[in-house]
Amino acid sequence: MCANQKRLQGTLDKVKEKEVTILIGDFNAKVGSNNTGYKSIMGEHGLGQMNENGEVFADFCAKTRPLMFTIST
């Protein structure tokens, strides 16, 4: 886990369990359309293929369970 992930995890650890968590930011993560192994956190309507940062972000979301949205520009 990199320093940014540790800092983000520390912040999320302070959030009450029943609160909704929405992460907003530029993670340089491309999650793509293949949601194999991630169906509980993502749909299959992304663009392209998942990159390494996308995999790290998807793994993080699978563990912490925030709402996950991607926006293509």
C-alpha atoms as a PDB file:
ATOM      1  CA  MET A   1       0.000   0.000   0.000  1.00  0.00           C
ATOM      2  CA  CYS A   2       1.486   3.342  -1.048  1.00  0.00           C
ATOM      3  CA  ALA A   3       1.591   6.449   1.153  1.00  0.00           C
ATOM      4  CA  ASN A   4      -1.478   7.993  -0.513  1.00  0.00           C
ATOM      5  CA  GLN A   5      -3.500   4.833   0.044  1.00  0.00           C
ATOM      6  CA  LYS A   6      -2.421   4.706   3.687  1.00  0.00           C
ATOM      7  CA  ARG A   7      -3.471   8.333   4.178  1.00  0.00           C
ATOM      8  CA  LEU A   8      -6.799   7.687   2.442  1.00  0.00           C
ATOM      9  CA  GLN A   9      -7.349   4.531   4.502  1.00  0.00           C
ATOM     10  CA  GLY A  10      -6.619   6.485   7.689  1.00  0.00           C
ATOM     11  CA  THR A  11      -9.273   9.016   6.720  1.00  0.00           C
ATOM     12  CA  LEU A  12     -11.803   6.305   5.877  1.00  0.00           C
ATOM     13  CA  ASP A  13     -11.132   4.574   9.196  1.00  0.00           C
ATOM     14  CA  LYS A  14     -12.551   7.672  10.898  1.00  0.00           C
ATOM     15  CA  VAL A  15     -15.847   7.495   8.975  1.00  0.00           C
ATOM     16  CA  LYS A  16     -18.762   6.000  10.870  1.00  0.00           C
ATOM     17  CA  GLU A  17     -19.915   2.646   9.511  1.00  0.00           C
ATOM     18  CA  LYS A  18     -23.417   3.802   8.542  1.00  0.00           C
ATOM     19  CA  GLU A  19     -22.230   6.897   6.679  1.00  0.00           C
ATOM     20  CA  VAL A  20     -22.060   6.965   2.887  1.00  0.00           C
ATOM     21  CA  THR A  21     -18.523   7.331   1.569  1.00  0.00           C
ATOM     22  CA  ILE A  22     -17.869   8.921  -1.803  1.00  0.00           C
ATOM     23  CA  LEU A  23     -14.303   9.226  -3.082  1.00  0.00           C
ATOM     24  CA  ILE A  24     -13.637  12.062  -5.485  1.00  0.00           C
ATOM     25  CA  GLY A  25     -10.302  12.704  -7.088  1.00  0.00           C
ATOM     26  CA  ASP A  26      -7.905  11.931  -9.878  1.00  0.00           C
ATOM     27  CA  PHE A  27      -6.430   8.523  -9.134  1.00  0.00           C
ATOM     28  CA  ASN A  28      -5.082   8.035 -12.683  1.00  0.00           C
ATOM     29  CA  ALA A  29      -7.121   4.856 -12.541  1.00  0.00           C
ATOM     30  CA  LYS A  30      -8.782   3.330 -15.561  1.00  0.00           C
ATOM     31  CA  VAL A  31     -11.136   0.551 -14.472  1.00  0.00           C
ATOM     32  CA  GLY A  32     -12.278  -0.469 -17.953  1.00  0.00           C
ATOM     33  CA  SER A  33     -15.284  -2.638 -18.748  1.00  0.00           C
ATOM     34  CA  ASN A  34     -14.153  -6.075 -17.519  1.00  0.00           C
ATOM     35  CA  ASN A  35     -15.590  -6.339 -14.016  1.00  0.00           C
ATOM     36  CA  THR A  36     -14.534  -9.947 -13.409  1.00  0.00           C
ATOM     37  CA  GLY A  37     -13.838 -10.235  -9.703  1.00  0.00           C
ATOM     38  CA  TYR A  38     -15.279  -6.769  -9.059  1.00  0.00           C
ATOM     39  CA  LYS A  39     -18.996  -7.223  -9.839  1.00  0.00           C
ATOM     40  CA  SER A  40     -19.959  -6.172  -6.311  1.00  0.00           C
ATOM     41  CA  ILE A  41     -18.382  -2.727  -6.775  1.00  0.00           C
ATOM     42  CA  MET A  42     -18.487  -1.921 -10.485  1.00  0.00           C
ATOM     43  CA  GLY A  43     -20.614  -2.328 -13.573  1.00  0.00           C
ATOM     44  CA  GLU A  44     -19.479  -3.360 -17.023  1.00  0.00           C
ATOM     45  CA  HIS A  45     -19.924  -0.130 -18.930  1.00  0.00           C
ATOM     46  CA  GLY A  46     -16.458   1.354 -18.536  1.00  0.00           C
ATOM     47  CA  LEU A  47     -14.213   2.160 -21.455  1.00  0.00           C
ATOM     48  CA  GLY A  48     -11.104   0.292 -22.537  1.00  0.00           C
ATOM     49  CA  GLN A  49      -9.081  -1.922 -20.246  1.00  0.00           C
ATOM     50  CA  MET A  50      -8.120  -1.646 -16.603  1.00  0.00           C
ATOM     51  CA  ASN A  51      -4.662  -0.205 -15.949  1.00  0.00           C
ATOM     52  CA  GLU A  52      -2.457  -0.903 -12.905  1.00  0.00           C
ATOM     53  CA  ASN A  53      -3.823   2.114 -11.000  1.00  0.00           C
ATOM     54  CA  GLY A  54      -7.336   0.960 -11.860  1.00  0.00           C
ATOM     55  CA  GLU A  55      -6.632  -2.436 -10.341  1.00  0.00           C
ATOM     56  CA  VAL A  56      -5.207  -0.843  -7.186  1.00  0.00           C
ATOM     57  CA  PHE A  57      -8.248   1.447  -6.938  1.00  0.00           C
ATOM     58  CA  ALA A  58     -10.713  -1.415  -7.553  1.00  0.00           C
ATOM     59  CA  ASP A  59      -8.990  -3.558  -4.905  1.00  0.00           C
ATOM     60  CA  PHE A  60      -9.113  -0.645  -2.475  1.00  0.00           C
ATOM     61  CA  CYS A  61     -12.820  -0.096  -3.170  1.00  0.00           C
ATOM     62  CA  ALA A  62     -13.565  -3.799  -2.782  1.00  0.00           C
ATOM     63  CA  LYS A  63     -12.036  -3.664   0.704  1.00  0.00           C
ATOM     64  CA  THR A  64     -13.466  -0.333   1.879  1.00  0.00           C
ATOM     65  CA  ARG A  65     -16.799  -0.430   0.007  1.00  0.00           C
ATOM     66  CA  PRO A  66     -17.274   3.265  -0.887  1.00  0.00           C
ATOM     67  CA  LEU A  67     -19.575   4.255  -3.729  1.00  0.00           C
ATOM     68  CA  MET A  68     -17.486   4.025  -6.886  1.00  0.00           C
ATOM     69  CA  PHE A  69     -18.118   6.166  -9.956  1.00  0.00           C
ATOM     70  CA  THR A  70     -15.907   6.824 -12.928  1.00  0.00           C
ATOM     71  CA  ILE A  71     -16.194   9.756 -15.279  1.00  0.00           C
ATOM     72  CA  SER A  72     -14.750   9.837 -18.775  1.00  0.00           C
ATOM     73  CA  THR A  73     -13.884  13.178 -20.306  1.00  0.00           C
END
